[in-house]
Protein backbone atom coordinates (compact mmCIF):
# COMPACT_ATOMS: atom_id res chain seq x y z
CA MET A 1 19.06 22.68 -8.74
CA GLY A 2 19.52 19.11 -8.07
CA ARG A 3 22.79 17.21 -8.99
CA LYS A 4 23.47 16.45 -12.48
CA SER A 5 23.32 13.23 -13.71
CA LYS A 6 26.61 11.19 -13.10
CA GLY A 7 25.99 8.60 -15.62
CA LYS A 8 25.35 5.23 -14.87
CA ARG A 9 25.93 4.29 -10.96
CA GLN A 10 28.00 1.55 -9.67
CA PRO A 11 26.23 -1.19 -8.25
CA LYS A 12 26.79 -1.19 -4.51
CA ALA A 13 26.84 -3.79 -2.15
CA ASN A 14 23.31 -5.64 -1.42
CA SER A 15 21.88 -2.93 -3.56
CA THR A 16 18.34 -3.64 -5.16
CA THR A 17 17.99 -0.75 -7.68
CA ASN A 18 20.93 -2.42 -9.73
CA ALA A 19 20.11 -5.53 -10.27
CA PRO A 20 22.34 -8.47 -11.24
CA ARG A 21 22.64 -8.34 -15.20
CA ARG A 22 24.77 -9.74 -17.75
CA GLU A 23 26.19 -8.21 -20.72
CA ASP A 24 23.26 -9.74 -23.14
CA ALA A 25 20.21 -9.16 -20.77
CA ASP A 26 16.91 -9.09 -21.97
CA VAL A 27 15.44 -6.33 -19.70
CA GLU A 28 16.45 -3.40 -20.99
CA GLU A 29 16.88 -0.42 -18.67
CA PHE A 30 17.56 3.26 -18.90
CA SER A 31 21.17 3.78 -18.30
CA SER A 32 21.12 7.34 -16.28
CA HIS A 33 19.94 7.39 -12.73
CA PRO A 34 20.32 10.80 -10.92
CA ASP A 35 20.88 11.23 -7.47
CA LEU A 36 18.39 12.58 -4.96
CA PRO A 37 18.83 16.25 -4.25
CA GLU A 38 20.83 17.21 -1.16
CA GLY A 39 18.18 17.69 1.78
CA ALA A 40 15.74 15.70 0.17
CA VAL A 41 14.10 12.72 2.20
CA SER A 42 13.20 10.50 -0.65
CA TRP A 43 12.00 10.68 -4.16
CA ALA A 44 8.34 10.13 -3.37
CA MET A 45 8.82 13.63 -1.44
CA GLU A 46 10.80 14.90 -4.11
CA ILE A 47 8.12 14.74 -6.41
CA ASP A 48 6.04 16.84 -4.15
CA ASP A 49 8.69 19.45 -3.56
CA ALA A 50 9.83 20.00 -7.22
CA ARG A 51 5.99 20.10 -8.13
CA LYS A 52 5.88 23.29 -6.00
CA LEU A 53 8.89 24.80 -7.55
CA VAL A 54 7.78 24.36 -10.84
CA LYS A 55 4.28 26.13 -10.09
CA LYS A 56 6.12 28.86 -8.48
CA ASN A 57 8.58 29.44 -11.43
CA PRO A 58 7.23 27.39 -14.61
CA GLN A 59 10.06 29.12 -16.70
CA SER A 60 12.79 27.37 -14.70
CA ILE A 61 14.76 24.85 -16.39
CA ASP A 62 16.45 23.87 -12.97
CA ALA A 63 13.04 23.36 -11.60
CA SER A 64 11.90 21.45 -14.66
CA LEU A 65 14.63 19.46 -14.58
CA ARG A 66 14.24 18.80 -10.75
CA VAL A 67 10.75 17.31 -11.31
CA SER A 68 11.61 15.20 -14.53
CA ARG A 69 14.54 13.84 -12.47
CA ALA A 70 11.80 12.72 -9.72
CA TYR A 71 9.50 11.64 -12.24
CA LEU A 72 11.88 9.31 -14.09
CA MET A 73 13.10 7.66 -10.77
CA MET A 74 9.47 6.92 -9.99
CA ARG A 75 8.56 5.66 -13.19
CA ARG A 76 5.68 8.48 -13.92
CA TRP A 77 5.92 7.83 -17.71
CA GLU A 78 3.11 10.19 -18.60
CA GLU A 79 3.88 13.03 -16.46
CA LEU A 80 7.55 12.85 -17.37
CA GLU A 81 6.78 13.34 -21.11
CA ASN A 82 4.34 15.97 -20.29
CA ALA A 83 6.61 17.66 -17.82
CA THR A 84 9.96 17.41 -20.52
CA THR A 85 7.84 18.52 -23.27
CA GLU A 86 6.82 21.65 -21.69
CA ALA A 87 10.29 22.58 -20.24
CA LEU A 88 11.56 22.30 -23.82
CA ARG A 89 8.66 24.22 -25.13
CA ASN A 90 9.71 27.26 -22.55
CA TYR A 91 13.48 26.49 -23.21
CA GLU A 92 15.28 29.85 -23.90
CA GLY A 93 19.18 29.12 -23.75
CA ASP A 94 21.31 32.02 -22.70
CA ASP A 95 24.29 30.65 -21.15
CA ASP A 96 27.36 30.89 -22.83
CA SER A 97 29.16 28.25 -20.66
CA GLY A 98 27.04 25.35 -22.49
CA ASN A 99 25.07 24.54 -18.73
CA ASP A 100 21.84 25.18 -20.58
CA GLU A 101 22.69 22.94 -23.71
CA ARG A 102 23.60 19.98 -21.18
CA MET A 103 20.32 20.71 -19.24
CA LYS A 104 18.53 20.57 -22.44
CA GLN A 105 20.17 17.42 -23.78
CA GLU A 106 19.22 15.95 -20.08
CA LEU A 107 15.71 17.10 -20.85
CA LEU A 108 15.59 15.51 -24.22
CA ASN A 109 16.85 12.28 -22.71
CA TYR A 110 14.27 11.90 -20.51
CA GLN A 111 11.42 12.84 -22.74
CA LYS A 112 13.04 10.02 -25.13
CA GLU A 113 13.20 7.54 -22.29
CA ALA A 114 9.52 8.48 -21.24
CA LYS A 115 8.40 8.04 -24.84
CA ARG A 116 10.04 4.81 -25.15
CA GLN A 117 8.43 3.44 -22.28
CA LEU A 118 4.95 4.74 -23.47
CA LYS A 119 5.41 3.20 -26.74
CA ARG A 120 5.63 -0.39 -25.14
CA LYS A 121 2.64 -2.37 -26.18
CA SER A 122 -0.03 -2.56 -23.18
CA ARG A 123 -3.64 -2.95 -22.55
CA ILE A 124 -3.42 -0.38 -20.33
CA ASP A 125 -4.35 2.23 -22.84
CA ARG A 126 -7.96 0.70 -23.64
CA PRO A 127 -10.92 2.60 -22.77
CA ASP A 128 -12.50 -0.60 -20.99
CA ILE A 129 -9.22 -0.97 -18.86
CA ALA A 130 -9.40 2.76 -17.79
CA ARG A 131 -12.88 2.25 -17.04
CA PHE A 132 -11.61 -0.94 -14.70
CA PHE A 133 -8.81 1.25 -12.67
CA GLN A 134 -11.51 3.92 -12.16
CA SER A 135 -14.32 1.36 -10.90
CA ILE A 136 -11.24 0.33 -8.36
CA PHE A 137 -11.29 3.85 -6.90
CA ASP A 138 -14.82 4.01 -6.86
CA GLY A 139 -14.94 1.01 -5.07
CA ASP A 140 -17.09 -0.84 -7.42
CA SER A 141 -14.54 -3.49 -7.86
CA ASN A 142 -12.13 -5.64 -5.79
CA ILE A 143 -8.89 -5.68 -7.84
CA ASP A 144 -8.12 -9.23 -6.78
CA ASP A 145 -11.43 -10.90 -7.47
CA ASN A 146 -11.47 -9.89 -11.29
CA VAL A 147 -11.25 -12.56 -14.02
CA PHE A 148 -9.34 -11.85 -17.37
CA GLU A 149 -9.40 -14.36 -19.95
CA GLN A 150 -6.02 -15.82 -21.31
CA MET A 151 -5.44 -17.90 -24.24
CA SER A 152 -3.89 -20.89 -21.89
CA PHE A 153 -6.30 -20.12 -18.61
CA TYR A 154 -9.54 -18.42 -18.46
CA ASN A 155 -9.49 -18.06 -14.51
CA LEU A 156 -6.73 -15.28 -13.86
CA ASN A 157 -6.82 -12.45 -11.77
CA CYS A 158 -5.28 -9.30 -13.47
CA LEU A 159 -2.08 -9.49 -12.06
CA GLN A 160 -1.49 -13.05 -13.22
CA TYR A 161 -2.82 -12.15 -16.85
CA SER A 162 -0.45 -8.80 -16.78
CA ALA A 163 2.38 -11.24 -15.69
CA ILE A 164 1.83 -13.94 -18.28
CA SER A 165 0.95 -11.62 -21.06
CA GLY A 166 4.23 -9.88 -20.56
CA ASP A 167 2.45 -6.41 -20.13
CA VAL A 168 4.80 -4.97 -18.17
CA ARG A 169 3.09 -1.33 -17.78
CA PHE A 170 -0.27 -2.97 -17.10
CA PHE A 171 1.67 -5.10 -14.59
CA ASP A 172 3.17 -2.16 -12.75
CA LYS A 173 -0.21 -0.02 -12.25
CA ILE A 174 -1.86 -3.41 -11.29
CA VAL A 175 1.00 -3.45 -8.39
CA ALA A 176 0.29 -0.18 -7.55
CA LEU A 177 -3.56 -0.30 -7.51
CA GLY A 178 -2.76 -2.56 -4.48
CA ALA A 179 -3.14 -6.15 -6.14
CA ALA A 180 -1.85 -9.22 -3.77
CA ILE A 181 1.28 -10.37 -5.32
CA ASP A 182 0.82 -14.49 -4.32
CA TYR A 183 -3.33 -13.96 -4.68
CA PRO A 184 -4.49 -17.68 -6.10
CA PRO A 185 -6.37 -17.76 -9.55
CA MET A 186 -10.20 -17.60 -9.19
CA ALA A 187 -12.11 -20.73 -8.04
CA LEU A 188 -14.18 -21.27 -11.07
CA GLU A 189 -15.93 -24.96 -11.77
CA ALA A 190 -15.27 -26.11 -15.07
CA ASN A 191 -18.84 -26.73 -15.31
CA GLY A 192 -19.92 -23.44 -14.18
CA VAL A 193 -18.10 -21.04 -16.32
CA ALA A 194 -19.88 -19.02 -18.80
CA GLU A 195 -20.52 -20.53 -22.27
CA GLN A 196 -17.45 -18.52 -23.70
CA MET A 197 -15.16 -19.85 -21.13
CA LYS A 198 -16.66 -23.55 -22.37
CA GLN A 199 -15.83 -22.63 -25.82
CA GLN A 200 -11.98 -21.79 -24.77
CA GLN A 201 -11.90 -25.20 -22.95
CA ARG A 202 -12.63 -26.85 -26.24
CA GLN A 203 -9.94 -24.78 -27.88
CA GLY A 204 -7.23 -26.05 -25.17
CA GLY A 205 -7.92 -23.38 -22.61
CA GLU A 206 -8.73 -24.48 -18.75
CA LEU A 207 -8.58 -23.50 -15.05
CA ALA A 208 -5.12 -22.57 -14.07
CA PRO A 209 -3.76 -24.89 -10.98
CA PRO A 210 -5.18 -23.26 -7.54
CA THR A 211 -1.47 -23.13 -6.34
CA CYS A 212 -0.40 -20.81 -9.51
CA THR A 213 0.53 -17.56 -8.13
CA ALA A 214 1.80 -14.92 -10.74
CA LEU A 215 5.34 -15.67 -10.08
CA ILE A 216 4.79 -19.39 -10.45
CA LEU A 217 3.17 -18.70 -13.79
CA VAL A 218 6.02 -16.53 -15.10
CA CYS A 219 8.71 -18.98 -13.74
CA ALA A 220 6.80 -21.63 -15.33
CA SER A 221 6.70 -20.18 -18.80
CA LEU A 222 10.20 -19.06 -18.79
CA ALA A 223 11.11 -22.61 -17.80
CA MET A 224 9.35 -24.24 -20.36
CA TYR A 225 10.96 -22.22 -23.17
CA GLY A 226 14.07 -22.62 -21.17
CA VAL A 227 13.92 -26.57 -21.71
CA MET A 228 13.23 -26.19 -25.43
CA GLY A 229 15.92 -24.13 -26.06
CA ASN A 230 16.55 -21.76 -29.10
CA ALA A 231 14.87 -24.62 -31.68
CA PRO A 232 14.43 -22.87 -35.18
CA GLY A 233 11.36 -20.78 -35.59
CA LEU A 234 10.17 -21.69 -31.89
CA VAL A 235 10.27 -17.89 -30.93
CA ASN A 236 9.19 -15.25 -33.27
CA LYS A 237 9.68 -11.71 -32.45
CA GLN A 238 6.12 -11.04 -30.87
CA MET A 239 6.89 -14.28 -28.30
CA LYS A 240 10.37 -12.83 -27.55
CA GLU A 241 8.75 -9.73 -26.60
CA THR A 242 6.22 -11.54 -24.22
CA LEU A 243 8.88 -13.68 -22.64
CA ASN A 244 11.12 -10.15 -21.86
CA GLY A 245 8.17 -9.21 -20.37
CA ASN A 246 7.63 -12.35 -18.44
CA LEU A 247 10.92 -12.19 -17.25
CA GLU A 248 10.80 -8.37 -16.21
CA CYS A 249 7.45 -9.03 -14.47
CA ALA A 250 9.38 -12.04 -12.70
CA ILE A 251 12.18 -10.06 -11.42
CA GLN A 252 9.97 -7.30 -10.11
CA LEU A 253 7.60 -9.86 -8.19
CA VAL A 254 10.67 -11.24 -6.45
CA ARG A 255 11.69 -7.67 -5.68
CA LEU A 256 8.11 -6.66 -4.16
CA GLY A 257 8.29 -9.85 -1.75
CA ALA A 258 6.85 -12.84 -3.60
CA ASP A 259 7.03 -16.08 -2.13
CA CYS A 260 9.91 -18.12 -4.17
CA GLN A 261 9.29 -21.29 -2.56
CA ALA A 262 5.49 -21.74 -3.74
CA LYS A 263 5.00 -24.67 -5.54
CA LEU A 264 3.54 -25.38 -9.23
CA ILE A 265 1.09 -28.22 -8.32
CA LEU A 266 -0.66 -29.46 -11.17
CA PRO A 267 -4.08 -31.47 -10.78
CA SER A 268 -4.38 -35.04 -11.95
CA SER A 269 -7.67 -33.30 -13.79
CA SER A 270 -5.45 -31.00 -15.90
CA ARG A 271 -5.47 -31.65 -19.56
CA GLY A 272 -5.14 -28.52 -20.98
CA VAL A 273 -1.99 -27.37 -23.55
CA ALA A 274 -0.10 -25.49 -20.93
CA THR A 275 -0.23 -28.00 -17.95
CA SER A 276 0.20 -30.99 -20.29
CA MET A 277 3.45 -29.14 -21.45
CA TRP A 278 4.18 -28.29 -17.89
CA ARG A 279 3.81 -31.79 -16.99
CA GLN A 280 5.69 -33.34 -19.91
CA PHE A 281 8.71 -31.03 -19.04
CA GLN A 282 8.60 -32.14 -15.51
CA LEU A 283 7.57 -28.79 -14.04
CA HIS A 284 4.91 -30.47 -11.45
CA GLY A 285 6.38 -29.56 -7.98
CA LYS A 286 8.85 -27.48 -8.74
CA THR A 287 9.14 -23.92 -6.62
CA ALA A 288 9.19 -20.82 -7.96
CA GLN A 289 12.80 -20.86 -7.41
CA GLU A 290 13.73 -24.07 -9.03
CA LEU A 291 11.71 -23.17 -12.08
CA ALA A 292 13.74 -20.03 -12.51
CA ASN A 293 16.62 -21.99 -12.19
CA ILE A 294 15.55 -24.56 -14.85
CA SER A 295 14.97 -21.18 -17.30
CA GLY A 296 18.47 -20.54 -17.04
CA LYS A 297 17.64 -16.70 -16.82
CA LYS A 298 20.79 -15.37 -15.01
CA GLU A 299 18.84 -11.87 -13.86
CA LEU A 300 16.03 -14.09 -12.25
CA ILE A 301 18.31 -16.25 -10.50
CA ASP A 302 20.36 -13.74 -8.96
CA THR A 303 17.66 -11.68 -7.90
CA MET A 304 15.84 -14.61 -6.20
CA LYS A 305 19.37 -15.56 -4.25
CA LEU A 306 19.61 -11.99 -3.18
CA TYR A 307 16.37 -12.24 -1.66
CA GLU A 308 16.91 -15.37 -0.09
CA GLY A 309 15.69 -15.41 3.74
CA ARG A 310 13.26 -13.12 6.02
CA ALA A 311 16.11 -10.67 6.97
CA ALA A 312 17.01 -10.02 3.17
CA LYS A 313 13.41 -9.62 1.75
CA ILE A 314 12.49 -7.32 4.82
CA ARG A 315 15.89 -5.06 4.12
CA LEU A 316 15.70 -5.10 0.39
CA ALA A 317 11.88 -5.12 -0.45
CA HIS A 318 10.56 -2.61 -3.10
CA CYS A 319 7.71 -0.11 -2.81
CA ARG A 320 4.47 -1.01 -4.11
CA CYS A 321 3.88 2.13 -5.81
CA GLY A 322 5.49 0.92 -8.86
CA SER A 323 8.72 2.96 -8.63
CA ARG A 324 10.87 -0.31 -8.26
CA LEU A 325 13.07 1.59 -5.51
CA PRO A 326 13.32 0.20 -1.88
CA TRP A 327 10.53 1.23 0.51
CA LYS A 328 13.33 3.40 2.68
CA GLU A 329 14.13 5.28 -0.64
CA CYS A 330 10.53 5.84 -1.34
CA HIS A 331 7.29 6.34 0.16
CA ALA A 332 8.37 4.99 3.45
CA ALA A 333 11.60 7.07 3.85
CA THR A 334 10.19 8.59 7.11
CA LEU A 335 8.62 5.75 8.69
CA PRO A 336 10.03 3.25 11.28
CA GLN A 337 10.94 -0.43 10.09
CA LYS A 338 8.19 -1.78 12.18
CA ARG A 339 5.62 -0.01 10.02
CA ILE A 340 7.05 -1.41 6.84
CA THR A 341 6.40 -5.02 7.72
CA SER A 342 4.49 -7.17 10.09
CA ASP A 343 4.06 -10.78 10.81
CA LYS A 344 0.51 -12.41 10.56
CA GLU A 345 0.54 -16.00 11.52
CA GLY A 346 4.05 -16.59 10.50
CA GLN A 347 3.56 -14.86 7.30
CA LEU A 348 5.59 -11.98 6.55
CA VAL A 349 3.47 -8.79 5.20
CA PHE A 350 3.98 -5.66 3.77
CA LEU A 351 2.68 -1.92 3.91
CA TYR A 352 -0.59 -1.48 1.60
CA SER A 353 0.57 0.10 -1.77
CA PRO A 354 0.78 3.91 -0.82
CA SER A 355 -0.85 4.61 -4.57
CA ALA A 356 -3.87 2.26 -3.98
CA PRO A 357 -7.29 3.68 -3.16
CA CYS A 358 -7.21 4.37 0.66
CA PRO A 359 -8.86 1.31 2.82
CA CYS A 360 -10.62 4.07 5.08
CA LYS A 361 -12.99 4.64 1.93
CA LYS A 362 -14.02 7.91 3.18
CA SER A 363 -12.38 9.63 0.17
CA ASN A 364 -11.24 8.62 -3.37
CA LYS A 365 -7.63 9.52 -2.61
CA THR A 366 -4.65 7.38 -2.41
CA PHE A 367 -3.33 5.78 0.50
CA TYR A 368 -0.55 8.04 0.74
CA LYS A 369 -2.83 10.89 0.39
CA CYS A 370 -5.19 10.37 2.92
CA CYS A 371 -4.36 7.94 5.80
CA TRP A 372 -0.81 7.27 5.16
CA ASN A 373 0.45 8.90 8.22
CA SER A 374 -2.24 7.84 10.27
CA PRO A 375 -1.48 5.93 13.74
CA ILE A 376 -3.47 3.24 11.94
CA VAL A 377 -0.75 0.65 9.95
CA ARG A 378 -2.42 -1.07 7.28
CA HIS A 379 -0.18 -4.28 5.96
CA GLN A 380 -1.86 -6.60 2.93
CA ASN A 381 -1.46 -10.25 3.20
CA ASP A 382 -0.68 -11.36 -0.23
CA LYS A 383 -2.10 -14.61 -0.21
CA SER A 384 -5.76 -13.73 0.85
CA GLY A 385 -5.60 -9.97 -0.49
CA GLU A 386 -6.90 -9.15 3.25
CA ILE A 387 -5.75 -5.59 4.75
CA HIS A 388 -4.99 -5.94 8.45
CA ALA A 389 -5.17 -2.82 10.56
CA ALA A 390 -3.28 -2.14 13.31
CA LYS A 391 -2.52 0.88 15.69
CA ILE A 392 1.03 1.94 16.83
CA LEU A 393 0.88 2.92 20.07
CA PRO A 394 3.99 4.80 21.43
CA MET A 395 4.79 3.55 24.91
CA GLY A 396 7.31 6.68 25.94
CA THR A 397 5.69 8.30 28.67
CA GLN A 398 5.45 6.64 32.51
CA GLU A 399 1.63 6.45 32.74
CA GLU A 400 1.49 4.70 29.25
CA ARG A 401 3.88 2.18 30.46
CA SER A 402 2.00 1.85 33.94
CA PHE A 403 -1.12 1.35 31.87
CA GLY A 404 0.38 -1.58 30.04
CA LEU A 405 1.64 -2.91 33.06
CA LEU A 406 -1.70 -2.89 34.57
CA LEU A 407 -3.31 -4.45 32.03
CA CYS A 408 -0.79 -7.54 32.27
CA GLU A 409 -1.61 -7.60 35.99
CA MET A 410 -5.45 -7.65 35.30
CA LYS A 411 -4.68 -10.66 32.44
CA LYS A 412 -2.72 -12.50 34.95
CA ALA A 413 -5.35 -12.42 37.67
CA HIS A 414 -7.75 -13.50 35.17
CA LEU A 415 -5.92 -16.54 34.18
CA ALA A 416 -5.28 -17.26 37.84
CA SER A 417 -8.97 -17.10 38.46
CA GLY A 418 -9.83 -20.19 35.87
CA GLY A 419 -9.98 -17.48 33.02
CA LYS A 420 -8.83 -18.52 29.50
CA GLU A 421 -6.22 -17.00 27.48
CA THR A 422 -8.49 -16.24 24.71
CA ASP A 423 -10.85 -14.48 26.75
CA SER A 424 -11.33 -10.70 27.18
CA ILE A 425 -10.10 -9.46 30.30
CA PHE A 426 -13.29 -7.10 30.27
CA GLY A 427 -15.77 -9.87 28.91
CA ASN A 428 -17.44 -11.16 31.79
CA GLN A 429 -17.96 -7.70 33.65
CA SER A 430 -21.31 -5.95 34.63
CA PRO A 431 -21.91 -2.39 33.09
CA ASP A 432 -21.23 -0.80 36.45
CA ASP A 433 -17.69 -2.55 37.32
CA LEU A 434 -16.71 -1.61 34.00
CA ARG A 435 -17.74 1.80 34.21
CA LYS A 436 -15.63 1.59 37.84
CA GLY A 437 -12.97 0.09 36.00
CA MET A 438 -12.44 2.91 33.27
CA THR A 439 -12.85 5.60 35.87
CA ASP A 440 -10.35 4.04 37.98
CA LEU A 441 -7.93 4.06 34.98
CA ILE A 442 -8.58 7.23 34.22
CA ARG A 443 -8.03 8.96 37.73
CA LYS A 444 -4.74 6.73 38.17
CA PHE A 445 -3.18 7.15 34.83
CA GLY A 446 -4.64 10.26 33.48
CA LEU A 447 -6.54 10.35 29.81
CA GLY A 448 -3.72 8.94 28.09
CA THR A 449 -4.94 5.62 29.30
CA LEU A 450 -7.99 6.34 26.65
CA GLU A 451 -5.71 7.63 23.63
CA SER A 452 -5.57 3.98 21.93
CA MET A 453 -9.16 4.17 21.29
CA ASP A 454 -9.04 7.48 19.84
CA GLY A 455 -8.40 8.78 16.17
CA SER A 456 -5.49 10.82 15.21
CA LYS A 457 -7.09 14.00 15.77
CA SER A 458 -8.57 13.42 19.25
CA LYS A 459 -7.48 16.35 21.62
CA ILE A 460 -9.05 15.12 24.84
CA ARG A 461 -6.09 14.60 26.58
CA GLU A 462 -4.82 18.33 25.86
CA THR A 463 -8.37 20.00 26.74
CA MET A 464 -10.24 17.51 29.36
CA ASP A 465 -9.41 17.34 32.74
CA SER A 466 -9.09 13.53 33.72
CA GLU A 467 -11.19 14.03 37.25
CA VAL A 468 -13.68 15.98 35.48
CA TYR A 469 -13.95 13.23 32.32
CA ALA A 470 -14.09 10.38 35.07
CA GLY A 471 -16.91 12.08 37.10
CA ILE A 472 -19.07 12.54 33.64
CA LEU A 473 -18.82 8.78 33.12
CA GLU A 474 -20.01 8.42 36.59
CA ARG A 475 -23.22 10.22 36.01
CA LEU A 476 -24.22 9.08 32.59
CA ASP A 477 -27.29 6.78 32.42
CA ASP A 478 -25.62 4.66 29.64
CA CYS A 479 -21.85 4.75 30.13
CA PHE A 480 -19.95 5.47 26.90
CA HIS A 481 -16.69 6.97 26.24
CA TRP A 482 -16.89 10.33 24.59
CA ARG A 483 -14.31 11.37 21.99
CA ASP A 484 -13.95 14.71 20.28
CA ASP A 485 -13.76 13.30 16.94
CA HIS A 486 -16.85 10.97 17.05
CA TRP A 487 -17.20 7.54 16.51
CA SER A 488 -18.91 6.77 13.10
CA ILE A 489 -22.53 6.72 14.22
CA ASP A 490 -25.44 8.40 12.75
CA LYS A 491 -26.49 11.88 13.04
CA TYR A 492 -29.57 11.30 15.28
CA GLU A 493 -27.21 9.05 17.92
CA LEU A 494 -24.75 11.82 17.83
CA LEU A 495 -27.12 14.38 18.99
CA SER A 496 -28.34 11.94 21.53
CA ARG A 497 -24.98 11.59 23.05
CA VAL A 498 -24.18 14.90 22.87
CA LYS A 499 -27.11 15.77 24.96
CA GLU A 500 -26.12 13.02 27.53
CA TRP A 501 -22.76 14.05 28.05
CA ASN A 502 -23.52 17.55 28.60
CA ASP A 503 -26.61 16.93 30.88
CA ALA A 504 -23.58 14.77 33.08
CA LEU A 505 -21.31 17.91 32.51
CA ASP A 506 -23.97 19.98 34.29
CA GLN A 507 -24.77 17.15 36.92
CA TYR A 508 -21.18 17.06 37.66
CA CYS A 509 -20.64 20.74 38.41
CA ASP A 510 -24.15 20.79 40.66
CA ASP A 511 -22.80 17.99 42.60
CA MET A 512 -19.32 19.72 42.91
CA GLY A 513 -20.33 22.96 44.13
CA ILE A 514 -18.82 24.43 40.93
CA SER A 515 -20.13 27.94 39.91
CA GLY A 516 -19.38 31.24 38.41
CA GLU A 517 -16.34 31.61 36.12
CA GLU A 518 -14.92 28.12 37.17
CA ARG A 519 -17.99 26.64 36.17
CA GLU A 520 -18.04 28.29 32.79
CA SER A 521 -14.39 27.21 32.19
CA THR A 522 -14.97 23.84 33.43
CA ILE A 523 -18.20 23.59 30.78
CA LYS A 524 -16.27 25.07 28.09
CA ARG A 525 -13.33 22.36 28.13
CA HIS A 526 -15.26 19.25 28.79
CA LYS A 527 -18.64 20.31 26.60
CA ALA A 528 -19.18 17.57 23.78
CA SER A 529 -19.83 18.97 20.67
CA PRO A 530 -21.68 17.54 17.43
CA TYR A 531 -19.24 19.20 15.07
CA ALA A 532 -16.19 16.97 14.19
CA PRO A 533 -12.85 17.35 12.17
CA CYS A 534 -12.81 15.85 8.82
CA ALA A 535 -11.82 12.28 8.79
CA ASN A 536 -9.03 12.68 6.58
CA PRO A 537 -5.95 12.88 9.04
CA PRO A 538 -4.22 15.51 6.95
CA CYS A 539 -7.25 17.89 6.74
CA LYS A 540 -7.85 20.88 9.36
CA GLU A 541 -11.20 21.79 8.51
CA ILE A 542 -14.00 21.39 10.90
CA GLU A 543 -17.41 20.16 9.82
CA ALA A 544 -20.06 22.93 10.13
CA ASN A 545 -23.07 20.32 9.73
CA VAL A 546 -24.05 17.81 12.37
CA LYS A 547 -23.47 14.77 10.63
CA GLU A 548 -21.70 10.98 10.67
CA PHE A 549 -17.90 11.49 11.47
CA LYS A 550 -16.39 11.61 7.64
CA ALA A 551 -14.41 13.34 5.27
CA CYS A 552 -15.18 16.86 4.12
CA ALA A 553 -16.85 17.66 0.86
CA ARG A 554 -13.52 18.82 -0.07
CA CYS A 555 -11.41 15.70 0.76
CA ARG A 556 -14.12 13.40 -0.92
CA THR A 557 -13.69 15.15 -4.36
């Protein structure tokens, strides 16, 4: 059984899970935070382990408590409610020491918290929103490019809409589905919008300023009410709930890595109600951090200070799955730090959300369940929404280091001969020169030199001999690099390449005088096959039909 809850944990130095709070904080949080069980690596992995225990012994209250704690820490409220309800239904106390009663009370507390969270008003429960979420997984919609109408602005994306509406459950779901944190409002022209948007314009609605990120929107709202103060009748119960939601979303955006130095720039043409008030309260030109200071919200101000600087943001940023846990306590616990963040043109970018649809588009699974452990690392640009793919190449062996040094020497020679820095070192060579260069590399450094071109399932380095591989390349009429997990090509071209490769293999054996058992062994090791493994890295299935390299039927469902 996992460790029992020890009540509210004391804040640790540089802790992000315990945000700075004042006694009368507006953001209500559950007070009990269970410790990660001994031997568990992270809460994301603990969920999978605990589920297996419950499946093996559904009557065990220990297993039920363990999975409930994991759901609580990962903020999986629907699953937490279902798990605690089922556990309490099966509960039969027979321990005279009182342990069973304490376990039951713990389950009741978790169930109560799940119900409290699920009672929070949210558009997430609407059927049309459920269909929208499904369209994201089906690939029919881009999560950043959908327009949501709001009372003040009619060109907000779904993350901005959820944040300014104070809809925390909707916000958490949108983040988990891969929304870009600093994505701008939709660029709609006022004279080209639909009639309903023109109507909204006449009622005081307008286009949100182009620099308005989700964080700027909520900080500007909090700042405006902070300037107005507690005037009688200004903030009713519903407005207070919205402002509390704004505050909670703002804090989470900062913890996710949002840009706190982005500025609120109001176009001179803006004349709507919201922008007019922002201009009146002199919010124009203020950064998100300056707006937070104006709001007077200590929780938000302290969180921004905690995340100041690139190093602090890298160390403390939260996982994008919606758990509100740091990456290293959640989905990235087993990943090296260099995989969590990257630098694109001076901008810090984070791993794509593990709970979002996998970018490979070869299955309808989440990124975490599909290509998370692939050598291909995917980071998301929070300003543009673009997903950058890069392959992590281990340079541990001598041949891999030698290959890297050789490429550097080739680059130097290219520059010395008058070439440009931006030129490809292979760009101006003839097909014969390219073939010779490839075969020389393979003979000198082995098939490890080609491993960077292959997918995570390629076995050519283990099964094929580099001399034979190079010899086959030399005998191909139209030289190509064969890989045993196949390029993504259609059936006709795949079959053609298989035949070309195997004909060249026969020719190699003839030219080298290889016969008998040695020939059979050589052909068996180096023969091309049109049947590939499933494109989903964790899957072990081998396709039984000739087709393009894709996910198998099981992984597509």
